[in-house]
N, C-alpha and C. Protein backbone atom coordinates (compact mmCIF):
# COMPACT_ATOMS: atom_id res chain seq x y z
N MET A 1 114.33 82.51 133.07
CA MET A 1 113.89 81.73 132.40
C MET A 1 112.85 80.99 134.06
N ASP A 2 111.59 81.19 133.42
CA ASP A 2 110.16 81.05 133.97
C ASP A 2 109.87 78.79 133.42
N GLY A 3 110.26 77.86 134.35
CA GLY A 3 110.52 76.70 133.64
C GLY A 3 111.26 76.53 132.60
N GLY A 4 112.07 77.14 132.62
CA GLY A 4 112.52 76.57 130.79
C GLY A 4 111.86 76.99 129.83
N HIS A 5 111.21 78.38 129.69
CA HIS A 5 110.35 78.86 128.88
C HIS A 5 110.82 80.46 128.47
N ALA A 6 111.19 80.96 127.74
CA ALA A 6 112.08 81.93 126.99
C ALA A 6 110.93 83.20 127.19
N PRO A 7 111.14 83.48 127.40
CA PRO A 7 109.73 84.83 127.57
C PRO A 7 109.22 85.56 126.40
N MET A 8 108.40 86.05 125.96
CA MET A 8 107.40 86.01 124.78
C MET A 8 108.24 87.77 124.43
N PRO A 9 108.40 87.61 122.71
CA PRO A 9 108.91 88.67 122.62
C PRO A 9 107.56 89.43 122.30
N ALA A 10 108.04 91.13 122.32
CA ALA A 10 107.76 92.26 122.35
C ALA A 10 106.43 92.06 121.29
N HIS A 11 106.71 91.99 120.80
CA HIS A 11 106.10 91.92 119.51
C HIS A 11 104.94 90.92 119.29
N ARG A 12 105.30 89.75 119.58
CA ARG A 12 104.04 88.91 119.43
C ARG A 12 103.36 89.11 120.68
N ALA A 13 103.67 89.61 122.19
CA ALA A 13 103.07 89.93 122.82
C ALA A 13 101.91 90.66 123.17
N LEU A 14 102.42 92.02 121.99
CA LEU A 14 101.43 93.24 120.99
C LEU A 14 100.85 92.58 120.73
N ARG A 15 101.28 91.60 119.11
CA ARG A 15 100.04 91.00 118.86
C ARG A 15 98.96 90.05 118.75
N GLU A 16 99.34 89.60 119.74
CA GLU A 16 97.86 89.04 121.03
C GLU A 16 97.41 90.12 121.74
N ARG A 17 97.57 91.04 122.29
CA ARG A 17 96.76 91.77 122.99
C ARG A 17 96.17 92.62 122.21
N THR A 18 96.56 93.00 120.52
CA THR A 18 95.85 93.91 120.29
C THR A 18 94.78 93.00 118.93
N ARG A 19 94.59 91.71 119.06
CA ARG A 19 94.51 90.91 118.19
C ARG A 19 92.65 91.29 118.04
N ASP A 20 92.32 91.84 118.77
CA ASP A 20 90.47 91.40 118.99
C ASP A 20 90.12 92.88 118.02
N ALA A 21 90.97 93.83 118.59
CA ALA A 21 91.23 95.44 118.11
C ALA A 21 91.46 95.36 116.61
N HIS A 22 92.52 94.65 116.53
CA HIS A 22 92.69 94.36 114.59
C HIS A 22 91.45 93.47 113.94
N GLU A 23 90.92 92.12 114.29
CA GLU A 23 90.06 91.63 114.12
C GLU A 23 88.46 92.79 114.03
N ALA A 24 88.85 93.41 115.21
CA ALA A 24 87.09 94.36 115.16
C ALA A 24 87.18 95.64 113.84
N THR A 25 88.51 96.07 113.70
CA THR A 25 89.25 97.14 112.47
C THR A 25 88.58 96.22 110.86
N GLU A 26 88.84 95.31 111.01
CA GLU A 26 89.07 94.53 109.69
C GLU A 26 87.27 93.71 109.36
N ALA A 27 86.68 94.02 110.61
CA ALA A 27 85.66 93.77 109.65
C ALA A 27 84.81 94.84 109.93
N THR A 28 85.04 95.69 109.77
CA THR A 28 84.30 96.56 108.99
C THR A 28 83.81 97.01 108.20
N GLU A 29 82.58 97.23 108.06
CA GLU A 29 82.69 97.24 105.86
C GLU A 29 83.55 98.44 105.38
N GLY A 30 84.29 99.53 105.86
CA GLY A 30 85.16 99.90 105.08
C GLY A 30 86.07 99.28 105.01
N MET A 31 86.60 98.67 106.30
CA MET A 31 87.74 97.26 106.08
C MET A 31 87.54 96.43 105.43
N ARG A 32 86.42 95.74 104.79
CA ARG A 32 86.28 94.74 104.13
C ARG A 32 85.76 95.14 102.44
N ARG A 33 86.19 96.09 102.26
CA ARG A 33 85.57 96.54 100.79
C ARG A 33 87.37 97.11 100.43
N LEU A 34 87.52 97.81 100.95
CA LEU A 34 89.01 97.58 101.28
C LEU A 34 90.03 96.48 100.92
N MET A 35 90.19 95.52 101.28
CA MET A 35 90.46 94.41 101.36
C MET A 35 90.37 93.32 100.57
N ASP A 36 88.68 93.59 99.72
CA ASP A 36 89.35 92.74 98.89
C ASP A 36 88.41 93.62 97.62
N GLY A 37 88.83 94.21 97.68
CA GLY A 37 89.25 95.31 96.09
C GLY A 37 87.91 96.22 95.74
N ARG A 38 86.77 96.84 96.82
CA ARG A 38 85.81 96.76 96.17
C ARG A 38 85.17 98.27 96.62
N MET A 39 86.24 98.80 97.31
CA MET A 39 86.68 100.29 97.74
C MET A 39 86.64 101.04 95.89
N ASP A 40 85.61 102.21 96.21
CA ASP A 40 85.98 103.37 94.78
C ASP A 40 87.21 104.33 95.01
N GLU A 41 87.40 104.95 94.55
CA GLU A 41 88.37 106.24 94.63
C GLU A 41 87.49 107.44 95.75
N ALA A 42 86.47 107.83 95.81
CA ALA A 42 86.07 108.63 96.98
C ALA A 42 85.90 107.37 98.45
N GLY A 43 85.74 105.91 98.24
CA GLY A 43 85.93 105.25 99.12
C GLY A 43 86.82 105.32 99.85
N TYR A 44 88.25 105.61 99.17
CA TYR A 44 89.79 105.40 99.59
C TYR A 44 89.77 106.61 100.25
N ARG A 45 89.50 107.76 99.42
CA ARG A 45 89.34 108.86 100.12
C ARG A 45 89.42 109.54 101.11
N GLN A 46 87.90 108.74 101.73
CA GLN A 46 87.26 108.89 103.36
C GLN A 46 88.02 108.10 103.85
N LEU A 47 88.47 107.18 103.64
CA LEU A 47 89.10 106.49 104.68
C LEU A 47 90.38 106.88 104.90
N LEU A 48 91.09 107.63 103.93
CA LEU A 48 92.53 108.37 103.91
C LEU A 48 91.92 109.62 104.80
N ALA A 49 90.92 110.61 105.40
CA ALA A 49 90.53 111.70 104.82
C ALA A 49 89.95 110.90 107.44
N ALA A 50 89.89 109.93 106.83
CA ALA A 50 89.46 109.19 108.28
C ALA A 50 90.50 109.24 109.27
N GLN A 51 91.87 108.75 108.86
CA GLN A 51 92.73 108.67 109.18
C GLN A 51 93.87 109.69 109.14
N LEU A 52 93.71 110.56 108.51
CA LEU A 52 94.24 111.32 108.66
C LEU A 52 93.84 112.45 109.65
N GLY A 53 92.54 112.53 110.25
CA GLY A 53 91.55 113.13 111.87
C GLY A 53 92.09 112.15 112.52
N LEU A 54 92.07 111.00 112.87
CA LEU A 54 93.28 109.76 113.56
C LEU A 54 94.45 110.31 114.19
N PHE A 55 95.01 110.15 113.07
CA PHE A 55 96.59 110.97 113.15
C PHE A 55 96.79 112.21 113.35
N THR A 56 96.07 112.85 112.96
CA THR A 56 96.63 114.26 113.73
C THR A 56 96.46 114.55 115.43
N HIS A 57 94.83 113.58 115.26
CA HIS A 57 93.91 114.49 116.93
C HIS A 57 95.09 113.20 117.92
N TRP A 58 95.88 112.05 117.35
CA TRP A 58 97.06 110.96 118.45
C TRP A 58 98.38 111.98 118.52
N GLU A 59 98.42 112.83 117.51
CA GLU A 59 100.16 112.53 117.05
C GLU A 59 100.04 114.47 118.13
N ARG A 60 98.95 114.97 118.10
CA ARG A 60 99.07 116.20 119.34
C ARG A 60 98.56 116.04 120.70
N ALA A 61 97.86 114.16 120.65
CA ALA A 61 97.43 114.00 122.55
C ALA A 61 99.46 113.40 122.14
N ARG A 62 99.85 112.80 121.47
CA ARG A 62 101.49 112.26 122.61
C ARG A 62 102.15 113.01 121.67
N ALA A 63 102.32 114.09 121.33
CA ALA A 63 103.39 115.01 121.38
C ALA A 63 104.41 114.73 122.19
N GLY A 64 104.20 114.93 123.37
CA GLY A 64 105.08 115.40 124.59
C GLY A 64 105.80 113.78 124.49
N TRP A 65 105.00 112.80 124.64
CA TRP A 65 105.50 110.86 124.81
C TRP A 65 106.67 110.84 123.79
N LEU A 66 105.72 111.43 122.65
CA LEU A 66 106.90 111.13 121.08
C LEU A 66 107.36 111.74 121.08
N ASP A 67 108.24 113.16 121.97
CA ASP A 67 109.58 113.78 121.63
C ASP A 67 110.32 112.70 122.62
N ARG A 68 109.64 112.17 123.84
CA ARG A 68 110.62 111.59 124.99
C ARG A 68 111.16 110.21 124.41
N ILE A 69 110.79 109.40 123.98
CA ILE A 69 111.12 108.42 123.58
C ILE A 69 112.44 108.50 122.20
N GLN A 70 112.19 109.67 121.91
CA GLN A 70 113.50 109.93 121.03
C GLN A 70 114.95 109.59 122.04
N PRO A 71 115.95 109.50 121.09
CA PRO A 71 116.15 108.91 120.19
C PRO A 71 115.82 106.72 120.01
N ARG A 72 115.66 106.40 121.18
CA ARG A 72 114.85 105.33 121.47
C ARG A 72 113.97 104.59 119.89
N TRP A 73 113.39 105.95 119.65
CA TRP A 73 112.11 105.49 118.64
C TRP A 73 111.92 106.68 117.34
N ALA A 74 112.03 106.77 116.75
CA ALA A 74 111.91 107.50 115.41
C ALA A 74 110.61 107.84 114.66
N TYR A 75 109.76 108.58 115.61
CA TYR A 75 107.92 108.15 114.90
C TYR A 75 107.79 108.66 114.00
N THR A 76 107.58 108.53 112.66
CA THR A 76 107.82 109.30 111.31
C THR A 76 106.32 109.59 111.40
N SER A 77 105.62 111.16 111.08
CA SER A 77 104.34 111.73 111.43
C SER A 77 103.54 111.66 109.74
N ARG A 78 102.36 111.10 110.03
CA ARG A 78 101.56 110.42 108.40
C ARG A 78 101.08 111.70 108.04
N LEU A 79 101.19 112.99 108.89
CA LEU A 79 99.84 114.21 108.90
C LEU A 79 100.29 114.46 107.44
N ALA A 80 101.90 114.80 107.18
CA ALA A 80 101.71 115.65 105.06
C ALA A 80 101.66 114.31 104.37
N PRO A 81 102.12 113.51 103.95
CA PRO A 81 101.72 112.12 103.09
C PRO A 81 99.61 111.52 103.22
N LEU A 82 99.33 111.89 104.40
CA LEU A 82 97.73 111.87 103.98
C LEU A 82 97.08 113.33 103.76
N ALA A 83 97.73 114.28 103.99
CA ALA A 83 96.75 115.36 103.49
C ALA A 83 96.99 115.60 102.07
N THR A 84 98.45 115.00 101.59
CA THR A 84 98.42 115.25 99.87
C THR A 84 97.69 114.17 99.44
N ASP A 85 97.86 113.05 100.04
CA ASP A 85 96.45 112.05 99.53
C ASP A 85 95.24 112.74 99.22
N VAL A 86 94.78 112.95 100.54
CA VAL A 86 93.27 113.56 100.87
C VAL A 86 93.25 114.38 99.81
N GLY A 87 93.62 115.56 99.56
CA GLY A 87 94.03 116.48 99.13
C GLY A 87 93.17 117.88 99.95
N ASP A 88 92.28 118.98 99.30
CA ASP A 88 91.98 120.06 99.64
C ASP A 88 90.85 120.03 100.65
N ALA A 89 90.15 119.26 99.92
CA ALA A 89 88.90 119.11 101.32
C ALA A 89 88.40 117.93 101.40
N PRO A 90 89.29 117.51 103.20
CA PRO A 90 89.10 116.03 103.37
C PRO A 90 87.59 116.44 104.06
N THR A 91 86.31 116.26 103.67
CA THR A 91 85.24 115.43 104.22
C THR A 91 85.01 114.36 104.87
N PRO A 92 84.81 113.91 106.18
CA PRO A 92 84.37 112.88 106.25
C PRO A 92 83.30 112.56 105.77
N GLY A 93 83.40 111.23 104.81
CA GLY A 93 81.72 110.49 105.08
C GLY A 93 81.43 109.27 105.95
N PRO A 94 80.40 108.79 105.38
CA PRO A 94 80.22 107.73 106.63
C PRO A 94 81.69 106.50 107.13
N LEU A 95 83.04 106.61 106.48
CA LEU A 95 83.72 105.78 106.89
C LEU A 95 84.54 106.82 107.64
N GLY A 96 84.67 108.12 107.58
CA GLY A 96 85.65 108.68 108.55
C GLY A 96 84.41 109.79 109.48
N ALA A 97 83.97 109.66 110.05
CA ALA A 97 82.98 110.64 110.30
C ALA A 97 83.31 109.95 111.80
N ALA A 98 83.61 109.06 112.29
CA ALA A 98 83.72 108.33 114.05
C ALA A 98 85.40 109.15 114.29
N ALA A 99 86.20 108.53 113.07
CA ALA A 99 87.99 109.32 113.38
C ALA A 99 87.74 110.45 113.88
N TRP A 100 87.15 111.60 113.10
CA TRP A 100 87.13 112.08 113.38
C TRP A 100 86.96 113.37 115.25
N THR A 101 86.10 112.12 115.76
CA THR A 101 85.70 112.88 117.14
C THR A 101 85.88 111.54 118.01
N THR A 102 86.84 111.07 117.65
CA THR A 102 87.23 109.88 119.00
C THR A 102 88.66 110.35 119.50
N ASP A 103 88.53 109.85 120.87
CA ASP A 103 89.08 110.52 121.78
C ASP A 103 90.74 109.92 121.95
N VAL A 104 91.44 110.37 122.25
CA VAL A 104 92.60 109.51 122.89
C VAL A 104 92.37 109.91 124.03
N PRO A 105 93.11 108.24 124.63
CA PRO A 105 93.13 108.01 126.24
C PRO A 105 93.42 109.17 126.93
N SER A 106 93.62 109.76 127.87
CA SER A 106 94.39 110.27 128.67
C SER A 106 94.89 109.44 130.01
N GLY A 107 96.01 110.22 130.14
CA GLY A 107 96.74 109.36 131.32
C GLY A 107 98.28 109.41 131.16
N ASP A 108 98.42 108.73 132.04
CA ASP A 108 100.17 108.44 131.85
C ASP A 108 100.74 107.27 132.31
N ASP A 109 100.26 106.62 130.79
CA ASP A 109 99.91 104.88 130.03
C ASP A 109 101.36 104.70 129.23
N GLU A 110 102.72 104.09 129.99
CA GLU A 110 103.49 103.84 129.24
C GLU A 110 103.28 102.76 128.41
N ALA A 111 102.98 102.09 128.48
CA ALA A 111 102.62 100.60 128.23
C ALA A 111 101.75 100.64 126.97
N GLY A 112 100.50 101.50 127.53
CA GLY A 112 99.71 101.55 126.31
C GLY A 112 99.89 102.48 125.66
N TYR A 113 100.72 103.86 125.45
CA TYR A 113 101.46 104.34 124.65
C TYR A 113 101.98 103.49 123.40
N TRP A 114 103.10 102.57 124.12
CA TRP A 114 103.67 101.75 123.24
C TRP A 114 102.65 101.20 122.34
N GLY A 115 101.81 100.52 122.98
CA GLY A 115 100.67 99.60 122.44
C GLY A 115 99.87 100.06 121.03
N GLU A 116 99.70 101.91 121.56
CA GLU A 116 99.31 102.57 120.41
C GLU A 116 100.42 102.32 119.15
N LEU A 117 101.48 102.74 119.55
CA LEU A 117 102.57 102.87 118.61
C LEU A 117 102.94 101.59 117.97
N TYR A 118 102.29 100.28 118.12
CA TYR A 118 102.97 99.22 117.62
C TYR A 118 100.97 98.76 116.62
N VAL A 119 100.31 99.79 117.08
CA VAL A 119 99.19 99.60 116.34
C VAL A 119 99.85 100.36 114.60
N ILE A 120 99.79 101.46 115.04
CA ILE A 120 100.22 102.76 114.25
C ILE A 120 101.77 101.84 113.40
N GLU A 121 102.57 102.07 113.58
CA GLU A 121 103.89 101.67 113.01
C GLU A 121 103.75 100.10 112.96
N GLY A 122 103.26 99.10 113.24
CA GLY A 122 102.76 97.81 112.74
C GLY A 122 103.54 96.85 113.52
N SER A 123 103.72 95.78 113.20
CA SER A 123 105.23 94.14 113.66
C SER A 123 105.73 94.73 112.80
N PRO A 124 106.91 94.13 113.11
CA PRO A 124 108.24 94.02 112.19
C PRO A 124 108.36 92.64 111.58
N GLN A 125 106.98 91.70 112.32
CA GLN A 125 106.88 89.95 112.28
C GLN A 125 105.52 89.33 111.52
């Protein structure tokens, strides 16, 4: 302990470090419509298609790392359930266009990978 203070739990530190990114995401038109119940079925399908594109790209980029962290962490892919929900023709519209072209940062940044996983998995508290 430093000066009588316990270290901040990892989930709280990650929450604090990703707060701006979460707030920016929640401020987008699509997320505002989703959170306040104004998103129609077509918009929701576009949001799911965007997530499918993002998760597909992320899971491919992090496949080796996800294998290496087993059994410390058991990642469950979201691809099959999202593909089922999106249906046969995932066509990104205004909500999904950016996610289909988003680059996943490259490099070997173990802390960054855990941060990405935290954003995907969410906080336990």
